[in-house]
């Protein structure tokens, strides 16, 4: 087995969870228990604010929400710079996790090649 020219090629087909956070709020459990159909829960984000796009819980971009037919869609407005820890402090840990995964995949690949 030959090693890929780019170690990241080992990870390109790995599924990740992409999510968007619309907003948050903190309310007492009493209010949660009182929720019913048609209840309205205000969130902390303004309607014209960009939304955080996250991959496996790490913010990677800011986006606007759109309608694409009868589905929600995103328009990416700003990508976070991987070196910019002020916008998304978790990016460094994401990079470290990717490096660990590459090292493990390389080890598995060399173990498989050695067994062949």
Protein backbone atom coordinates (compact mmCIF):
# COMPACT_ATOMS: atom_id res chain seq x y z
CA UNK A 1 0.00 0.00 0.00
CA UNK A 2 1.45 3.35 -1.00
CA UNK A 3 0.99 6.40 1.19
CA UNK A 4 -1.13 9.18 -0.29
CA UNK A 5 0.76 12.25 -1.45
CA UNK A 6 -1.34 14.45 0.82
CA UNK A 7 -2.09 12.98 4.28
CA UNK A 8 -5.41 14.90 4.34
CA UNK A 9 -6.60 12.72 1.44
CA UNK A 10 -7.14 9.98 4.04
CA UNK A 11 -9.84 12.09 5.70
CA UNK A 12 -11.70 13.58 2.73
CA UNK A 13 -14.40 10.88 2.72
CA UNK A 14 -14.99 10.96 6.49
CA UNK A 15 -18.51 12.17 7.34
CA UNK A 16 -18.79 15.12 9.70
CA UNK A 17 -21.79 16.86 11.23
CA UNK A 18 -22.44 20.35 9.86
CA UNK A 19 -24.88 22.34 11.97
CA UNK A 20 -26.12 25.89 12.36
CA UNK A 21 -26.97 27.54 15.63
CA UNK A 22 -29.97 29.82 15.37
CA UNK A 23 -29.68 31.12 18.93
CA UNK A 24 -29.83 30.23 22.59
CA UNK A 25 -31.66 31.17 25.72
CA UNK A 26 -31.54 30.18 29.34
CA UNK A 27 -34.88 29.65 31.06
CA UNK A 28 -35.98 27.97 34.27
CA UNK A 29 -37.12 24.37 34.07
CA UNK A 30 -40.54 25.58 35.22
CA UNK A 31 -40.92 27.49 31.92
CA UNK A 32 -39.77 24.47 29.91
CA UNK A 33 -42.43 22.37 31.59
CA UNK A 34 -45.03 25.01 30.69
CA UNK A 35 -44.20 24.94 26.95
CA UNK A 36 -47.15 24.07 24.72
CA UNK A 37 -47.97 24.24 21.02
CA UNK A 38 -47.79 27.87 19.87
CA UNK A 39 -45.46 28.82 22.76
CA UNK A 40 -42.91 31.44 21.73
CA UNK A 41 -39.37 31.27 23.13
CA UNK A 42 -37.23 34.35 22.37
CA UNK A 43 -33.59 33.63 21.52
CA UNK A 44 -30.47 35.74 22.07
CA UNK A 45 -29.71 36.33 18.39
CA UNK A 46 -31.13 39.22 16.34
CA UNK A 47 -32.98 38.42 13.11
CA UNK A 48 -30.35 40.16 10.95
CA UNK A 49 -27.32 38.55 12.65
CA UNK A 50 -25.19 36.02 10.80
CA UNK A 51 -25.48 32.44 12.04
CA UNK A 52 -22.59 30.27 13.23
CA UNK A 53 -21.86 27.30 10.95
CA UNK A 54 -20.24 24.48 12.88
CA UNK A 55 -18.51 21.24 11.93
CA UNK A 56 -18.54 18.74 14.77
CA UNK A 57 -19.18 21.61 17.20
CA UNK A 58 -16.38 23.87 15.92
CA UNK A 59 -17.36 27.18 14.31
CA UNK A 60 -15.95 27.37 10.78
CA UNK A 61 -18.03 30.11 9.14
CA UNK A 62 -20.80 32.71 9.38
CA UNK A 63 -23.85 32.41 7.15
CA UNK A 64 -27.26 33.78 6.24
CA UNK A 65 -30.28 31.52 6.18
CA UNK A 66 -32.19 31.23 2.90
CA UNK A 67 -35.05 29.25 1.46
CA UNK A 68 -34.18 26.74 -1.28
CA UNK A 69 -37.57 25.58 -2.50
CA UNK A 70 -39.28 24.23 0.61
CA UNK A 71 -36.00 23.67 2.53
CA UNK A 72 -33.72 25.87 4.55
CA UNK A 73 -30.31 26.59 3.01
CA UNK A 74 -27.20 28.55 3.95
CA UNK A 75 -25.31 31.25 2.13
CA UNK A 76 -21.76 31.31 3.51
CA UNK A 77 -20.81 34.94 4.06
CA UNK A 78 -17.53 34.60 5.95
CA UNK A 79 -15.14 31.70 6.46
CA UNK A 80 -13.15 31.71 9.68
CA UNK A 81 -9.42 31.85 9.20
CA UNK A 82 -7.94 28.63 10.60
CA UNK A 83 -5.27 30.74 12.33
CA UNK A 84 -7.81 33.20 13.77
CA UNK A 85 -8.44 31.94 17.29
CA UNK A 86 -10.35 35.09 18.26
CA UNK A 87 -13.36 34.12 16.14
CA UNK A 88 -13.44 30.39 16.84
CA UNK A 89 -11.20 29.29 19.70
CA UNK A 90 -12.06 25.63 19.08
CA UNK A 91 -10.43 25.66 15.62
CA UNK A 92 -7.04 24.89 17.16
CA UNK A 93 -8.45 21.79 18.80
CA UNK A 94 -10.09 20.80 15.50
CA UNK A 95 -6.72 21.13 13.78
CA UNK A 96 -5.10 19.05 16.52
CA UNK A 97 -7.82 16.40 16.19
CA UNK A 98 -7.27 16.29 12.42
CA UNK A 99 -3.52 15.89 12.93
CA UNK A 100 -4.12 13.04 15.38
CA UNK A 101 -6.51 11.35 12.93
CA UNK A 102 -3.95 11.67 10.13
CA UNK A 103 -1.24 10.17 12.34
CA UNK A 104 -3.50 7.27 13.33
CA UNK A 105 -4.56 6.66 9.72
CA UNK A 106 -0.91 6.70 8.63
CA UNK A 107 -0.05 4.21 11.38
CA UNK A 108 -2.93 1.96 10.35
CA UNK A 109 -1.83 2.20 6.74
CA UNK A 110 1.79 1.31 7.55
CA UNK A 111 0.63 -1.56 9.80
CA UNK A 112 -1.53 -2.93 6.98
CA UNK A 113 1.35 -2.57 4.51
CA UNK A 114 3.70 -4.36 6.89
CA UNK A 115 1.24 -7.23 7.30
CA UNK A 116 0.89 -7.67 3.53
